[in-house]
Amino acid sequence: MSVLIKPAQSFRNDFSFTNSAKAIARFPFPFPEDRYQYSVNIEPAAPREPGSVFEHLFDIDEHYRSEVAERALVLENDPRRAIVMPHMQSASWDALELIMEHLAADYPDWFALERDEDRWQWTNRALGIEQTFRFGDESTLPYAPLEYIARQTQGDFALLDQRDGDLFMDAGVITSPADWSLAFDAGMSFKQWHAPVPLAHQMGVFERALKYLLAIKAGAPVRRLNWTLTVHPRLDTSPETYHEWGRDRGIVTAHNAGELVHLRVELQTMARLPRSHALMFSIRTYLCSVADICTNAAWAQRLHRVLRDLPAPIADYKGMTRYRPALVEWLSQFDR
């Protein structure tokens, strides 16, 4: 199925980002029940419904140009959003190969890859790119391999080195994080970078998740959904830019909550890279205003109940404590 890509819209300043009716319909609504609790919720990343966000390993949608333009702005302002430790060079080429292969196979209208031994030619029609390079030779690309392909793909990427029975965040291109920092977390273990999450540790969620992730084999990727809320359709909610977005939490009222607050869902995919044995952790973020979510009556009712009954430590961790009462009041009109 061919993907229609819109002209670039903005995730900052005038916030011109909008979802079409099709984008709303395929939005990965993350709540299977009226009540939310932490769980491992990992499943095999097998292809699912045609046209859904689960059809392909890497989802390309109408916001493609918008998201790659946003990534370029972030990297221009803060090059530390792309980090690759020296021992992760092989993993970076692994990631480039996997992403290029899937984009070319799944979206042939937009991408093409031709290979003659180590001489490769990459075509990106959406961005007007024709690039010939030698696989494994960084000097033949305009950017390091992970950054090069991340600049042409929706979603963030972390490459996790597996050693000593743990996973370490030793490389990544992270330009749309939900209140975390690659520069801070680089080099941390799985348990260390998840340390701030409340309640889940007492439930043993991360111990089970780590055991599962360590056993992932090449060719058998897995996925899960994660979620939070964001005021305005803003992708870059990093600690480095908190001075730009933190104050937004104070402008939400029971009158404007539906338009201002956006449900932010991450489709997280974990894939073993065959040469390096590193684990690629891709984080594809979807944004949808609560008003658009509520065009689906079942979603509107469930979102009200989930947010109304959300435990206070989780609400605080997700940064919604200040405006949750106003949002719940706005949502209550759909649950009577």
Protein backbone atom coordinates (compact mmCIF):
# COMPACT_ATOMS: atom_id res chain seq x y z
CA MET A 1 0.00 0.00 0.00
CA SER A 2 1.41 3.37 -1.01
CA VAL A 3 1.87 5.95 1.75
CA LEU A 4 0.76 9.54 1.16
CA ILE A 5 3.29 11.87 2.80
CA LYS A 6 2.17 15.39 3.68
CA PRO A 7 4.33 18.51 3.37
CA ALA A 8 6.30 19.23 6.52
CA GLN A 9 4.40 20.55 9.53
CA SER A 10 5.87 21.90 12.75
CA PHE A 11 6.26 20.32 16.20
CA ARG A 12 7.31 23.66 17.72
CA ASN A 13 6.54 27.39 17.60
CA ASP A 14 3.25 27.54 15.63
CA PHE A 15 2.57 23.79 16.17
CA SER A 16 1.06 23.32 12.72
CA PHE A 17 1.08 19.51 13.17
CA THR A 18 -2.31 17.89 12.56
CA ASN A 19 -3.56 14.35 12.02
CA SER A 20 -5.75 13.36 9.10
CA ALA A 21 -8.79 11.17 9.73
CA LYS A 22 -6.75 8.20 8.51
CA ALA A 23 -3.92 8.96 10.95
CA ILE A 24 -6.41 9.16 13.83
CA ALA A 25 -8.01 5.86 12.84
CA ARG A 26 -4.61 4.05 12.80
CA PHE A 27 -3.35 5.69 16.00
CA PRO A 28 -2.06 2.98 18.38
CA PHE A 29 -4.43 3.57 21.30
CA PRO A 30 -2.55 1.94 24.18
CA PHE A 31 -5.23 0.97 26.70
CA PRO A 32 -6.80 -2.50 26.45
CA GLU A 33 -8.67 -1.97 29.76
CA ASP A 34 -10.28 0.84 31.76
CA ARG A 35 -7.47 0.71 34.27
CA TYR A 36 -3.72 1.09 33.66
CA GLN A 37 -0.96 -0.79 35.40
CA TYR A 38 2.65 -1.51 34.52
CA SER A 39 3.31 -4.74 32.68
CA VAL A 40 5.98 -6.19 30.42
CA ASN A 41 3.41 -6.26 27.54
CA ILE A 42 5.94 -7.49 24.97
CA GLU A 43 4.81 -9.39 21.88
CA PRO A 44 6.53 -10.69 18.72
CA ALA A 45 6.84 -7.92 16.14
CA ALA A 46 5.09 -9.93 13.47
CA PRO A 47 3.24 -8.12 10.65
CA ARG A 48 -0.36 -7.35 11.53
CA GLU A 49 -3.32 -5.57 9.91
CA PRO A 50 -2.48 -3.96 6.52
CA GLY A 51 -2.31 -0.20 6.91
CA SER A 52 -1.83 -0.36 10.68
CA VAL A 53 1.23 0.84 12.57
CA PHE A 54 2.04 -2.85 13.12
CA GLU A 55 2.21 -3.81 9.44
CA HIS A 56 5.95 -3.23 9.03
CA LEU A 57 8.98 -3.24 11.32
CA PHE A 58 9.51 0.49 10.64
CA ASP A 59 6.35 2.52 10.15
CA ILE A 60 6.36 5.37 7.60
CA ASP A 61 3.28 7.57 7.59
CA GLU A 62 1.95 10.97 6.50
CA HIS A 63 4.22 12.78 9.00
CA TYR A 64 7.49 11.49 7.50
CA ARG A 65 8.76 14.83 6.17
CA SER A 66 7.65 16.62 9.34
CA GLU A 67 9.55 14.27 11.62
CA VAL A 68 12.79 14.16 9.67
CA ALA A 69 12.75 17.97 9.45
CA GLU A 70 12.29 18.14 13.23
CA ARG A 71 15.18 15.72 13.75
CA ALA A 72 17.48 17.86 11.60
CA LEU A 73 16.61 20.95 13.69
CA VAL A 74 17.31 19.16 16.96
CA LEU A 75 20.65 17.77 15.78
CA GLU A 76 21.67 21.18 14.49
CA ASN A 77 20.95 22.72 17.89
CA ASP A 78 22.39 19.87 19.96
CA PRO A 79 24.78 17.39 18.31
CA ARG A 80 24.91 15.40 21.60
CA ARG A 81 21.60 13.84 20.62
CA ALA A 82 23.66 11.46 18.44
CA ILE A 83 26.22 9.39 20.37
CA VAL A 84 28.09 6.28 19.21
CA MET A 85 30.80 4.86 21.45
CA PRO A 86 33.81 3.44 19.57
CA HIS A 87 32.93 -0.21 20.23
CA MET A 88 29.48 0.34 18.65
CA GLN A 89 30.64 1.12 15.11
CA SER A 90 29.79 -2.36 13.84
CA ALA A 91 26.35 -2.13 15.44
CA SER A 92 25.77 1.19 13.67
CA TRP A 93 26.38 -0.39 10.27
CA ASP A 94 24.18 -3.31 11.33
CA ALA A 95 21.36 -0.87 12.10
CA LEU A 96 21.79 1.00 8.83
CA GLU A 97 21.56 -2.25 6.88
CA LEU A 98 18.46 -3.49 8.70
CA ILE A 99 16.61 -0.19 8.31
CA MET A 100 17.52 0.27 4.65
CA GLU A 101 16.50 -3.29 3.80
CA HIS A 102 13.09 -2.93 5.43
CA LEU A 103 12.32 0.53 4.07
CA ALA A 104 13.21 -0.54 0.52
CA ALA A 105 11.17 -3.75 0.76
CA ASP A 106 8.13 -2.27 2.53
CA TYR A 107 7.91 1.15 0.83
CA PRO A 108 9.24 0.66 -2.72
CA ASP A 109 7.47 3.82 -3.94
CA TRP A 110 9.75 5.89 -1.71
CA PHE A 111 12.96 3.90 -1.07
CA ALA A 112 15.34 1.66 -3.00
CA LEU A 113 18.58 -0.15 -2.16
CA GLU A 114 21.02 -1.67 -4.66
CA ARG A 115 24.11 -3.62 -3.57
CA ASP A 116 27.21 -4.73 -5.46
CA GLU A 117 29.35 -6.36 -2.77
CA ASP A 118 30.40 -3.44 -0.50
CA ARG A 119 29.31 -0.76 -3.00
CA TRP A 120 25.75 0.31 -2.16
CA GLN A 121 23.35 2.78 -3.70
CA TRP A 122 20.54 4.21 -1.56
CA THR A 123 17.57 6.10 -2.98
CA ASN A 124 15.15 8.14 -0.87
CA ARG A 125 12.57 9.67 -3.20
CA ALA A 126 10.67 11.37 -0.38
CA LEU A 127 13.71 13.53 0.41
CA GLY A 128 15.34 13.55 -3.02
CA ILE A 129 18.45 11.63 -1.89
CA GLU A 130 20.68 9.48 -4.12
CA GLN A 131 23.68 8.19 -2.19
CA THR A 132 26.41 5.82 -3.31
CA PHE A 133 28.70 4.59 -0.53
CA ARG A 134 30.89 1.72 0.57
CA PHE A 135 29.41 -0.36 3.35
CA GLY A 136 31.71 -0.15 6.37
CA ASP A 137 33.50 3.01 5.17
CA GLU A 138 32.16 5.98 7.14
CA SER A 139 34.11 8.44 4.97
CA THR A 140 31.77 7.69 2.04
CA LEU A 141 28.68 8.99 3.91
CA PRO A 142 27.87 12.60 4.90
CA TYR A 143 27.19 11.47 8.49
CA ALA A 144 28.14 8.52 10.66
CA PRO A 145 26.05 5.48 9.59
CA LEU A 146 23.56 5.47 12.48
CA GLU A 147 22.95 9.21 12.24
CA TYR A 148 22.76 9.01 8.44
CA ILE A 149 19.88 6.53 8.40
CA ALA A 150 18.20 7.96 11.51
CA ARG A 151 17.95 11.32 9.73
CA GLN A 152 15.78 9.52 7.15
CA THR A 153 13.62 7.41 9.45
CA GLN A 154 10.76 8.22 11.79
CA GLY A 155 11.42 7.42 15.43
CA ASP A 156 14.45 7.38 17.71
CA PHE A 157 17.08 4.66 17.90
CA ALA A 158 19.21 3.35 20.75
CA LEU A 159 21.77 0.58 20.27
CA LEU A 160 22.27 -1.55 23.36
CA ASP A 161 25.48 -3.50 23.93
CA GLN A 162 24.88 -6.83 25.66
CA ARG A 163 27.50 -7.88 28.22
CA ASP A 164 27.74 -9.16 31.79
CA GLY A 165 24.10 -10.25 31.76
CA ASP A 166 22.83 -6.72 31.12
CA LEU A 167 22.16 -4.20 28.34
CA PHE A 168 24.03 -0.90 28.09
CA MET A 169 22.92 2.17 26.15
CA ASP A 170 26.17 2.77 24.27
CA ALA A 171 24.85 4.40 21.08
CA GLY A 172 21.81 6.22 19.85
CA VAL A 173 20.13 9.03 17.95
CA ILE A 174 17.46 10.42 20.29
CA THR A 175 15.77 13.65 19.21
CA SER A 176 12.19 13.14 20.45
CA PRO A 177 12.54 11.73 23.98
CA ALA A 178 9.74 11.77 26.55
CA ASP A 179 11.62 13.59 29.33
CA TRP A 180 14.92 11.69 29.25
CA SER A 181 18.37 12.42 27.90
CA LEU A 182 20.70 10.29 25.79
CA ALA A 183 23.67 12.40 26.92
CA PHE A 184 22.81 11.55 30.54
CA ASP A 185 21.85 7.89 30.02
CA ALA A 186 24.69 6.95 27.62
CA GLY A 187 26.69 4.09 29.08
CA MET A 188 24.05 3.21 31.68
CA SER A 189 22.73 -0.31 32.18
CA PHE A 190 19.12 -1.32 31.63
CA LYS A 191 18.39 -1.19 35.36
CA GLN A 192 20.12 2.16 35.80
CA TRP A 193 18.22 4.05 33.13
CA HIS A 194 14.89 2.63 34.35
CA ALA A 195 15.62 3.51 37.98
CA PRO A 196 13.30 6.59 38.10
CA VAL A 197 10.17 4.58 37.14
CA PRO A 198 7.86 4.23 40.17
CA LEU A 199 6.07 1.03 41.31
CA ALA A 200 7.36 -1.15 38.47
CA HIS A 201 10.46 -2.20 40.42
CA GLN A 202 8.38 -3.48 43.32
CA MET A 203 6.36 -5.51 40.82
CA GLY A 204 9.46 -7.07 39.25
CA VAL A 205 8.52 -5.75 35.80
CA PHE A 206 12.01 -4.73 34.73
CA GLU A 207 13.67 -7.92 35.95
CA ARG A 208 11.30 -9.96 33.78
CA ALA A 209 11.69 -7.58 30.83
CA LEU A 210 15.49 -7.72 30.96
CA LYS A 211 15.51 -11.52 31.05
CA TYR A 212 13.21 -11.55 28.02
CA LEU A 213 15.27 -8.99 26.06
CA LEU A 214 18.58 -10.76 26.68
CA ALA A 215 17.15 -13.85 24.98
CA ILE A 216 15.97 -12.12 21.77
CA LYS A 217 17.45 -13.74 18.67
CA ALA A 218 18.26 -12.25 15.28
CA GLY A 219 15.25 -12.33 12.98
CA ALA A 220 12.76 -12.44 15.88
CA PRO A 221 12.09 -8.83 16.90
CA VAL A 222 9.57 -7.92 19.60
CA ARG A 223 7.54 -4.79 20.37
CA ARG A 224 5.49 -3.06 23.05
CA LEU A 225 3.56 0.18 23.54
CA ASN A 226 4.36 2.87 26.06
CA TRP A 227 2.51 6.14 26.63
CA THR A 228 2.48 9.53 28.31
CA LEU A 229 0.87 12.93 27.74
CA THR A 230 2.34 16.05 26.15
CA VAL A 231 1.04 19.61 26.07
CA HIS A 232 1.07 20.74 22.42
CA PRO A 233 2.19 18.34 19.67
CA ARG A 234 5.84 18.63 20.74
CA LEU A 235 8.22 15.79 19.92
CA ASP A 236 11.32 17.06 21.72
CA THR A 237 10.46 16.96 25.41
CA SER A 238 14.02 16.37 26.60
CA PRO A 239 15.48 17.68 29.87
CA GLU A 240 17.80 19.84 27.75
CA THR A 241 14.79 21.78 26.40
CA TYR A 242 12.68 21.79 29.58
CA HIS A 243 12.91 25.59 29.69
CA GLU A 244 10.94 25.62 26.42
CA TRP A 245 8.14 23.19 27.31
CA GLY A 246 7.93 22.82 31.09
CA ARG A 247 5.80 25.93 31.53
CA ASP A 248 3.19 24.55 29.11
CA ARG A 249 1.83 22.37 31.91
CA GLY A 250 0.48 25.50 33.58
CA ILE A 251 -1.72 26.67 30.70
CA VAL A 252 -4.10 23.68 30.54
CA THR A 253 -7.67 24.34 31.71
CA ALA A 254 -10.91 22.39 31.69
CA HIS A 255 -11.86 24.42 28.61
CA ASN A 256 -8.76 23.99 26.43
CA ALA A 257 -7.50 20.57 27.59
CA GLY A 258 -8.88 18.67 24.61
CA GLU A 259 -6.99 20.77 22.08
CA LEU A 260 -3.76 21.35 24.05
CA VAL A 261 -3.10 17.94 25.59
CA HIS A 262 -1.85 15.19 23.30
CA LEU A 263 -1.71 11.48 23.96
CA ARG A 264 1.84 10.43 23.17
CA VAL A 265 2.30 6.74 22.35
CA GLU A 266 5.62 5.03 21.71
CA LEU A 267 5.78 1.90 19.60
CA GLN A 268 8.97 0.38 20.95
CA THR A 269 10.63 -2.34 18.88
CA MET A 270 13.60 -4.45 19.96
CA ALA A 271 15.57 -6.28 17.25
CA ARG A 272 18.79 -8.28 17.55
CA LEU A 273 21.48 -7.11 15.09
CA PRO A 274 23.14 -10.12 13.46
CA ARG A 275 26.80 -9.10 13.10
CA SER A 276 27.39 -7.16 16.30
CA HIS A 277 24.81 -8.99 18.48
CA ALA A 278 23.73 -5.58 19.80
CA LEU A 279 20.05 -4.96 20.47
CA MET A 280 18.43 -2.17 18.47
CA PHE A 281 15.76 -0.35 20.45
CA SER A 282 13.59 1.79 18.15
CA ILE A 283 11.09 4.24 19.63
CA ARG A 284 8.45 5.40 17.15
CA THR A 285 6.37 8.22 18.67
CA TYR A 286 2.78 8.99 17.68
CA LEU A 287 0.97 12.15 18.81
CA CYS A 288 -2.79 12.74 18.80
CA SER A 289 -4.74 15.51 20.50
CA VAL A 290 -7.19 14.35 23.16
CA ALA A 291 -9.93 16.06 21.14
CA ASP A 292 -9.09 13.88 18.14
CA ILE A 293 -8.86 10.78 20.35
CA CYS A 294 -12.40 11.54 21.54
CA THR A 295 -13.82 11.31 18.03
CA ASN A 296 -13.77 7.60 18.89
CA ALA A 297 -16.43 7.18 21.61
CA ALA A 298 -14.91 4.02 23.08
CA TRP A 299 -11.48 5.61 23.32
CA ALA A 300 -12.93 8.75 24.92
CA GLN A 301 -14.68 6.81 27.66
CA ARG A 302 -11.67 4.60 28.37
CA LEU A 303 -9.17 7.47 28.42
CA HIS A 304 -11.32 9.27 30.99
CA ARG A 305 -11.38 6.23 33.26
CA VAL A 306 -7.68 5.47 32.92
CA LEU A 307 -6.60 9.02 33.73
CA ARG A 308 -9.19 9.48 36.48
CA ASP A 309 -8.02 6.37 38.33
CA LEU A 310 -4.30 6.54 37.55
CA PRO A 311 -2.18 6.06 40.72
CA ALA A 312 -0.64 9.35 41.83
CA PRO A 313 3.02 8.16 41.61
CA ILE A 314 2.52 7.18 37.96
CA ALA A 315 0.77 10.45 37.14
CA ASP A 316 3.61 12.37 38.77
CA TYR A 317 6.28 10.36 36.92
CA LYS A 318 4.52 11.04 33.62
CA GLY A 319 4.44 14.76 34.37
CA MET A 320 0.67 15.26 34.31
CA THR A 321 -0.08 15.94 37.98
CA ARG A 322 -0.46 19.69 37.49
CA TYR A 323 -3.10 19.50 34.77
CA ARG A 324 -4.65 16.06 35.26
CA PRO A 325 -7.72 17.39 37.15
CA ALA A 326 -8.53 19.81 34.31
CA LEU A 327 -8.07 17.10 31.68
CA VAL A 328 -10.19 14.57 33.60
CA GLU A 329 -12.92 17.19 33.96
CA TRP A 330 -12.84 17.84 30.20
CA LEU A 331 -12.97 14.10 29.47
CA SER A 332 -15.86 13.48 31.84
CA GLN A 333 -18.33 14.74 29.23
CA PHE A 334 -17.72 11.52 27.26
CA ASP A 335 -18.33 9.13 30.18
CA ARG A 336 -21.84 9.73 31.53
